[in-house]
Amino acid sequence: MPQPTGTGLQAVWKRSDLTMLGLGDAYADEPTRIDAVLTDGEGFKCTGRWQEDESGGFLEMALLCEQDGVRVESKDRAGNLRQNGDTLTVTWKKGATGTDTFERFRDMDPA
């Protein structure tokens, strides 16, 4: 499998377990369009959006979650994103605690 070559935030990111986070292009003019998907490969899936916060000082993400296709509001997540090269760190503010670190897994397919 070829190694990812991208440098931007838009990529598929993978944790050391099966958890993956896909971040697509930011669609600021389409506020209902999904551009973030988190999945653990075991029936847990969250979809939502990422964007710069209103001050432009950091990136934030908000996700609505489900388990095995059933919406579970208590698992909804929100967090801040920080990219350092091929590493992405999510600091959770809601729905999870602490931080998760992801490595760039593959580039997004061009639309």
Protein backbone atom coordinates (compact mmCIF):
# COMPACT_ATOMS: atom_id res chain seq x y z
CA MET A 1 0.00 0.00 0.00
CA PRO A 2 1.43 3.42 -0.90
CA GLN A 3 2.30 5.75 1.94
CA PRO A 4 0.19 8.89 2.37
CA THR A 5 1.75 12.00 0.89
CA GLY A 6 -0.60 14.76 2.07
CA THR A 7 0.30 17.45 4.54
CA GLY A 8 -3.08 19.02 5.32
CA LEU A 9 -5.72 18.17 7.86
CA GLN A 10 -7.94 16.54 5.23
CA ALA A 11 -7.04 12.86 5.49
CA VAL A 12 -7.96 9.59 7.13
CA TRP A 13 -6.31 9.40 10.54
CA LYS A 14 -5.85 6.16 12.52
CA ARG A 15 -5.26 5.41 16.18
CA SER A 16 -3.20 2.41 17.29
CA ASP A 17 -6.43 0.41 17.62
CA LEU A 18 -9.13 0.22 14.90
CA THR A 19 -10.43 3.77 15.51
CA MET A 20 -10.30 6.03 12.46
CA LEU A 21 -11.13 9.68 11.92
CA GLY A 22 -11.83 10.98 8.43
CA LEU A 23 -11.65 14.74 7.90
CA GLY A 24 -12.79 16.17 4.60
CA ASP A 25 -12.78 19.69 3.24
CA ALA A 26 -14.31 22.38 5.44
CA TYR A 27 -17.52 23.66 3.90
CA ALA A 28 -18.07 26.94 5.74
CA ASP A 29 -20.88 27.93 3.36
CA GLU A 30 -22.73 24.61 3.91
CA PRO A 31 -23.23 24.31 7.70
CA THR A 32 -25.18 21.04 7.53
CA ARG A 33 -22.67 19.15 5.40
CA ILE A 34 -20.77 16.36 7.19
CA ASP A 35 -16.99 16.66 6.93
CA ALA A 36 -15.86 14.54 9.91
CA VAL A 37 -16.46 10.82 10.59
CA LEU A 38 -15.15 8.86 13.59
CA THR A 39 -15.54 5.07 13.72
CA ASP A 40 -14.08 2.25 15.81
CA GLY A 41 -14.88 -0.59 13.39
CA GLU A 42 -17.11 -2.23 16.01
CA GLY A 43 -20.42 -0.46 15.43
CA PHE A 44 -19.58 2.91 17.01
CA LYS A 45 -19.81 5.78 14.51
CA CYS A 46 -19.95 9.55 14.87
CA THR A 47 -20.53 12.11 12.13
CA GLY A 48 -20.32 15.87 12.20
CA ARG A 49 -18.18 18.85 11.37
CA TRP A 50 -14.84 20.46 12.05
CA GLN A 51 -14.06 24.14 11.65
CA GLU A 52 -11.97 27.00 12.99
CA ASP A 53 -13.45 28.41 16.16
CA GLU A 54 -14.93 31.90 15.93
CA SER A 55 -11.66 33.53 17.06
CA GLY A 56 -9.64 31.59 14.48
CA GLY A 57 -7.32 30.48 17.26
CA PHE A 58 -7.89 26.72 17.04
CA LEU A 59 -9.82 23.98 15.26
CA GLU A 60 -12.87 22.40 16.83
CA MET A 61 -14.98 19.37 15.98
CA ALA A 62 -18.53 18.37 16.99
CA LEU A 63 -19.90 14.87 16.34
CA LEU A 64 -23.27 13.13 16.76
CA CYS A 65 -22.81 9.46 17.65
CA GLU A 66 -24.55 6.13 17.28
CA GLN A 67 -23.88 2.55 18.33
CA ASP A 68 -24.93 -0.20 15.92
CA GLY A 69 -27.07 2.28 13.97
CA VAL A 70 -28.94 3.60 17.06
CA ARG A 71 -28.44 7.24 18.04
CA VAL A 72 -26.81 7.59 21.50
CA GLU A 73 -26.82 11.24 22.56
CA SER A 74 -24.74 10.53 25.67
CA LYS A 75 -21.85 9.51 23.41
CA ASP A 76 -21.90 12.71 21.30
CA ARG A 77 -18.44 14.26 21.20
CA ALA A 78 -16.82 17.64 20.91
CA GLY A 79 -13.13 18.43 20.94
CA ASN A 80 -10.25 20.53 19.70
CA LEU A 81 -7.90 19.41 16.94
CA ARG A 82 -4.17 20.03 16.71
CA GLN A 83 -2.07 18.78 13.81
CA ASN A 84 1.71 18.35 13.95
CA GLY A 85 2.86 16.89 10.63
CA ASP A 86 1.49 13.35 10.33
CA THR A 87 0.12 13.35 13.89
CA LEU A 88 -3.32 14.64 14.87
CA THR A 89 -4.30 15.13 18.51
CA VAL A 90 -7.91 15.50 19.62
CA THR A 91 -8.47 16.99 23.08
CA TRP A 92 -11.99 15.97 24.04
CA LYS A 93 -14.27 18.51 25.71
CA LYS A 94 -17.48 16.41 25.68
CA GLY A 95 -18.36 12.72 25.32
CA ALA A 96 -14.84 11.50 26.09
CA THR A 97 -12.01 12.63 28.33
CA GLY A 98 -8.35 13.29 27.77
CA THR A 99 -6.75 13.17 24.35
CA ASP A 100 -6.57 10.77 21.42
CA THR A 101 -3.60 10.72 19.07
CA PHE A 102 -4.04 9.69 15.46
CA GLU A 103 -1.45 9.11 12.72
CA ARG A 104 -2.04 9.95 9.07
CA PHE A 105 -3.28 6.71 7.50
CA ARG A 106 -4.17 7.75 3.96
CA ASP A 107 -4.91 10.76 1.86
CA MET A 108 -8.47 11.70 1.00
CA ASP A 109 -9.52 10.74 -2.51
CA PRO A 110 -9.93 13.85 -4.64
CA ALA A 111 -13.58 14.64 -5.38
